[in-house]
Protein backbone atom coordinates (compact mmCIF):
# COMPACT_ATOMS: atom_id res chain seq x y z
CA MET A 1 0.32 0.14 0.05
CA THR A 2 1.72 2.96 -1.26
CA SER A 3 2.33 5.60 1.70
CA THR A 4 0.73 8.96 1.87
CA ALA A 5 2.36 12.32 3.46
CA LEU A 6 0.92 16.14 3.69
CA ILE A 7 3.80 18.59 3.47
CA THR A 8 2.92 22.05 4.66
CA GLY A 9 4.76 24.83 2.59
CA ALA A 10 5.16 22.79 -0.07
CA ASN A 11 5.64 24.86 -2.92
CA LYS A 12 9.40 25.77 -2.52
CA GLY A 13 12.85 25.22 -0.05
CA ILE A 14 12.74 22.47 2.06
CA GLY A 15 9.03 21.55 1.46
CA PHE A 16 9.36 20.91 -2.21
CA ALA A 17 12.76 19.28 -1.79
CA THR A 18 11.14 16.76 0.87
CA ALA A 19 8.34 16.40 -1.23
CA ARG A 20 10.47 15.29 -4.35
CA LEU A 21 12.13 13.14 -2.18
CA LEU A 22 9.50 11.16 -0.58
CA GLY A 23 8.27 10.89 -4.18
CA THR A 24 10.94 9.22 -5.66
CA ARG A 25 10.93 6.53 -2.75
CA GLY A 26 7.45 5.91 -4.52
CA TRP A 27 4.97 8.17 -1.72
CA ILE A 28 2.41 10.10 -2.63
CA VAL A 29 2.75 13.22 -1.66
CA LEU A 30 0.33 15.97 -0.81
CA ALA A 31 1.93 19.44 -1.14
CA GLY A 32 0.42 22.32 0.73
CA ALA A 33 0.50 25.53 0.01
CA ARG A 34 -1.40 28.62 0.74
CA ASP A 35 -1.25 30.49 -2.87
CA GLU A 36 -2.86 27.78 -5.64
CA THR A 37 -0.89 29.18 -8.96
CA ARG A 38 2.15 28.54 -6.95
CA GLY A 39 1.08 25.30 -5.25
CA ARG A 40 -0.50 24.20 -8.97
CA GLN A 41 3.06 25.09 -10.00
CA ALA A 42 5.00 22.85 -7.63
CA GLU A 43 2.25 19.90 -8.26
CA LYS A 44 3.43 20.36 -11.98
CA ASP A 45 7.03 20.58 -11.31
CA LEU A 46 7.05 17.28 -9.10
CA ALA A 47 5.01 15.00 -11.11
CA GLU A 48 7.62 16.10 -13.99
CA GLN A 49 10.09 14.91 -11.81
CA GLY A 50 8.64 11.91 -11.48
CA ALA A 51 6.42 12.28 -7.75
CA ASP A 52 3.01 11.34 -7.93
CA ALA A 53 2.21 15.00 -5.92
CA ARG A 54 -1.15 16.29 -5.12
CA PHE A 55 -1.39 19.98 -4.34
CA VAL A 56 -3.46 20.97 -1.32
CA GLN A 57 -4.70 24.52 -0.51
CA LEU A 58 -3.90 24.79 2.60
CA ASP A 59 -3.05 28.13 4.73
CA VAL A 60 -1.70 26.94 8.62
CA THR A 61 -2.76 30.36 9.85
CA ASP A 62 -6.12 29.75 8.51
CA GLU A 63 -8.42 27.24 10.42
CA ARG A 64 -11.47 26.49 7.73
CA SER A 65 -8.33 25.52 5.44
CA VAL A 66 -7.31 23.42 7.75
CA THR A 67 -10.60 21.97 7.94
CA SER A 68 -11.01 21.58 4.53
CA ALA A 69 -7.89 20.26 4.06
CA ALA A 70 -8.33 17.57 6.39
CA ASP A 71 -11.57 16.60 5.59
CA TRP A 72 -10.06 16.52 1.46
CA ILE A 73 -7.46 13.97 2.55
CA GLU A 74 -9.91 11.77 4.39
CA GLY A 75 -12.56 11.43 1.73
CA GLU A 76 -9.32 10.83 -1.09
CA PHE A 77 -7.20 8.85 1.31
CA GLY A 78 -8.83 8.04 4.55
CA ALA A 79 -5.37 7.69 6.57
CA LEU A 80 -2.26 9.90 6.36
CA ASP A 81 1.65 8.43 7.02
CA ALA A 82 3.08 10.92 7.58
CA LEU A 83 2.67 14.93 8.40
CA ILE A 84 5.47 17.06 7.64
CA ASN A 85 4.76 20.70 9.73
CA ASN A 86 7.12 22.52 7.25
CA ALA A 87 5.61 26.15 6.85
CA GLY A 88 7.66 28.81 8.45
CA ILE A 89 8.26 32.73 8.03
CA THR A 90 11.01 34.97 10.05
CA ARG A 91 10.86 38.69 10.25
CA ARG A 92 13.43 40.58 11.51
CA GLU A 93 13.34 44.12 12.39
CA GLY A 94 16.04 46.48 12.74
CA ALA A 95 19.09 45.10 13.92
CA GLY A 96 17.19 42.22 14.91
CA ARG A 97 17.98 42.82 18.90
CA PRO A 98 15.15 41.92 21.32
CA SER A 99 14.61 45.43 22.08
CA GLN A 100 13.32 46.17 18.81
CA THR A 101 10.94 43.42 18.69
CA THR A 102 7.44 44.42 17.93
CA VAL A 103 4.60 42.39 19.04
CA GLU A 104 3.42 42.51 15.63
CA ALA A 105 6.08 40.60 14.53
CA LEU A 106 6.37 38.29 16.84
CA ARG A 107 2.53 38.00 16.56
CA ALA A 108 3.06 36.95 12.93
CA VAL A 109 5.91 34.29 12.86
CA TYR A 110 4.07 32.75 15.52
CA GLU A 111 0.95 32.23 13.85
CA THR A 112 2.67 30.37 11.02
CA ASN A 113 5.09 28.85 12.83
CA VAL A 114 3.98 27.72 16.31
CA PHE A 115 -0.13 28.24 16.25
CA GLY A 116 -0.41 26.52 12.57
CA PRO A 117 1.81 23.11 13.55
CA VAL A 118 -0.63 22.85 16.43
CA ALA A 119 -4.17 23.57 14.10
CA VAL A 120 -2.96 21.15 11.52
CA THR A 121 -1.22 18.21 13.65
CA ASN A 122 -4.84 18.20 15.74
CA ALA A 123 -6.73 18.47 12.19
CA MET A 124 -4.54 15.78 10.63
CA LEU A 125 -4.62 13.46 14.15
CA PRO A 126 -7.21 11.16 13.41
CA LEU A 127 -5.79 10.42 9.88
CA LEU A 128 -2.61 10.00 11.72
CA ARG A 129 -3.96 7.24 14.00
CA ARG A 130 -5.86 5.04 11.32
CA ALA A 131 -1.85 4.68 9.48
CA PRO A 132 -0.25 1.78 10.63
CA ALA A 133 2.73 3.54 12.01
CA ALA A 134 2.24 7.27 11.32
CA ARG A 135 5.37 10.25 11.89
CA ILE A 136 4.85 13.65 12.32
CA VAL A 137 7.88 15.54 11.70
CA ASN A 138 7.98 19.72 12.68
CA VAL A 139 10.80 21.55 10.85
CA SER A 140 12.51 23.51 13.56
CA SER A 141 16.02 24.78 13.76
CA GLU A 142 19.00 24.80 16.00
CA LEU A 143 18.13 28.23 16.38
CA GLY A 144 15.34 26.85 18.47
CA SER A 145 17.91 25.19 20.99
CA VAL A 146 18.26 27.20 24.37
CA THR A 147 21.40 25.35 25.10
CA VAL A 148 23.15 25.55 21.38
CA THR A 149 22.06 29.52 21.19
CA SER A 150 23.09 30.36 24.99
CA ASP A 151 26.83 28.70 24.26
CA PRO A 152 29.33 31.36 23.89
CA ALA A 153 31.29 28.77 21.56
CA SER A 154 28.59 27.86 19.12
CA PRO A 155 28.26 29.82 15.89
CA MET A 156 24.50 30.55 16.85
CA TYR A 157 25.52 32.57 19.75
CA PRO A 158 25.53 35.71 18.21
CA MET A 159 21.91 35.50 17.27
CA ALA A 160 19.58 37.71 19.13
CA SER A 161 16.75 37.93 17.41
CA VAL A 162 13.86 37.24 19.41
CA PRO A 163 10.63 36.15 16.82
CA TYR A 164 12.04 33.30 14.64
CA PRO A 165 14.62 31.33 17.38
CA SER A 166 11.75 31.83 20.09
CA SER A 167 9.05 30.40 17.33
CA LYS A 168 11.18 26.78 16.98
CA THR A 169 12.03 26.58 20.84
CA ALA A 170 7.95 27.02 21.00
CA LEU A 171 7.89 24.02 18.26
CA ASN A 172 10.47 22.22 20.45
CA MET A 173 8.03 21.78 23.17
CA ILE A 174 5.10 21.43 21.27
CA THR A 175 7.14 18.18 19.97
CA VAL A 176 8.02 17.33 22.97
CA MET A 177 4.26 17.23 24.66
CA TYR A 178 2.58 16.04 21.69
CA ALA A 179 5.30 12.66 21.68
CA LYS A 180 4.36 12.15 25.12
CA GLU A 181 0.82 12.33 24.26
CA LEU A 182 1.18 9.81 21.46
CA ARG A 183 3.54 7.66 23.45
CA ASP A 184 1.84 4.55 23.77
CA THR A 185 0.83 4.34 19.67
CA PRO A 186 2.85 3.66 16.77
CA VAL A 187 2.86 7.48 16.08
CA LYS A 188 6.52 8.93 16.17
CA VAL A 189 6.93 12.89 16.88
CA ASN A 190 10.05 14.41 16.38
CA ALA A 191 11.78 17.82 15.10
CA ALA A 192 14.19 18.29 12.57
CA ASN A 193 16.61 19.95 12.40
CA PRO A 194 17.55 20.73 8.80
CA GLY A 195 20.67 23.31 9.34
CA TYR A 196 21.53 26.48 7.49
CA CYS A 197 19.67 25.88 4.27
CA ALA A 198 19.91 28.07 1.16
CA THR A 199 16.63 28.98 0.81
CA ASP A 200 14.14 32.50 0.83
CA LEU A 201 13.69 32.38 4.25
CA ASN A 202 17.36 33.68 5.03
CA GLY A 203 17.84 34.87 1.31
CA HIS A 204 19.77 32.08 -0.04
CA SER A 205 22.94 32.62 2.56
CA GLY A 206 23.31 29.23 3.76
CA PHE A 207 25.90 26.69 2.85
CA ARG A 208 23.54 23.55 3.13
CA THR A 209 20.89 23.21 0.27
CA PRO A 210 17.20 22.33 0.58
CA GLU A 211 18.33 18.45 -0.58
CA GLN A 212 20.52 18.57 1.94
CA GLY A 213 17.47 19.84 4.53
CA ALA A 214 15.01 17.42 3.16
CA GLU A 215 17.24 14.38 3.84
CA VAL A 216 16.93 15.09 7.58
CA VAL A 217 12.93 15.68 7.53
CA VAL A 218 12.97 12.82 5.09
CA HIS A 219 14.52 10.20 7.65
CA LEU A 220 12.60 11.70 10.38
CA ALA A 221 9.31 10.76 8.45
CA THR A 222 10.71 7.43 7.72
CA LEU A 223 11.97 5.93 10.94
CA PRO A 224 11.67 2.20 11.67
CA ALA A 225 9.82 1.02 14.96
CA ASP A 226 12.76 1.32 17.05
CA GLY A 227 13.23 4.67 16.31
CA PRO A 228 13.54 7.40 18.44
CA THR A 229 10.38 10.06 19.55
CA GLY A 230 10.30 13.68 21.30
CA VAL A 231 13.75 14.65 19.99
CA LEU A 232 15.49 17.08 17.80
CA TRP A 233 17.45 15.52 15.28
CA GLY A 234 19.21 17.02 12.42
CA HIS A 235 22.43 18.77 10.90
CA VAL A 236 25.11 19.28 13.91
CA TRP A 237 27.16 22.82 13.58
CA THR A 238 29.73 23.52 16.26
CA ALA A 239 32.53 25.81 16.45
CA ASP A 240 35.14 23.69 14.77
CA GLY A 241 32.57 23.53 11.55
CA PRO A 242 29.89 21.74 10.19
CA GLY A 243 29.57 18.07 11.66
CA GLY A 244 27.19 15.15 10.78
CA TYR A 245 23.77 14.23 12.29
CA GLY A 246 22.62 13.52 15.83
CA VAL A 247 20.03 14.30 18.04
CA LEU A 248 20.52 17.94 19.55
CA PRO A 249 20.04 19.49 22.87
CA TRP A 250 16.92 21.30 23.50
């Protein structure tokens, strides 16, 4: 039976690369996107690259859109094998200092990066429970690790902006809480750290490719039965340079 994955924010960047990678593995990829034109184009591009892709109109900040997407998936497939909460935004104001943070910016980032994954996960959870062993992957960041960002020896230490890092810290906690609720089920819930990938989010300044970031996400989306749950896993970047892969501290 073919596995099915819903990926939010799948029309570009790591989301698109994740859809393409899962597609090459024979998965049906449901490409969630807010904008229909971009979503349809992503569906077309993915199909041309060999993926069985279906566009799903999904704005993670719109409750009606989330509910409609869940209803459509239930009608078409009846269950969901993986949910990848990938959609994310950032807002940088001034020099990025905490003292320059506006509540407006904080609200905007949290609507997508924090409230969105909760809304989508809750809507899709009945479908995930129907799968033999579903996986939930929250695309997070090393910037959400309090341990990493507070370490003077870490490359992340100079970062002082509030909205994006704190939203990923919140997403990490959300990951832990869902993992605890679902610990006695076959569903595994983990947070992915794709690493510093070159995407629109950072003006393509990252030293890793979206495809490399997608490999982290797909690894967690296809974990075996004895795989971990409730961890932040992915690329490890230290003062000594880019390392390998592993569990990152919260």
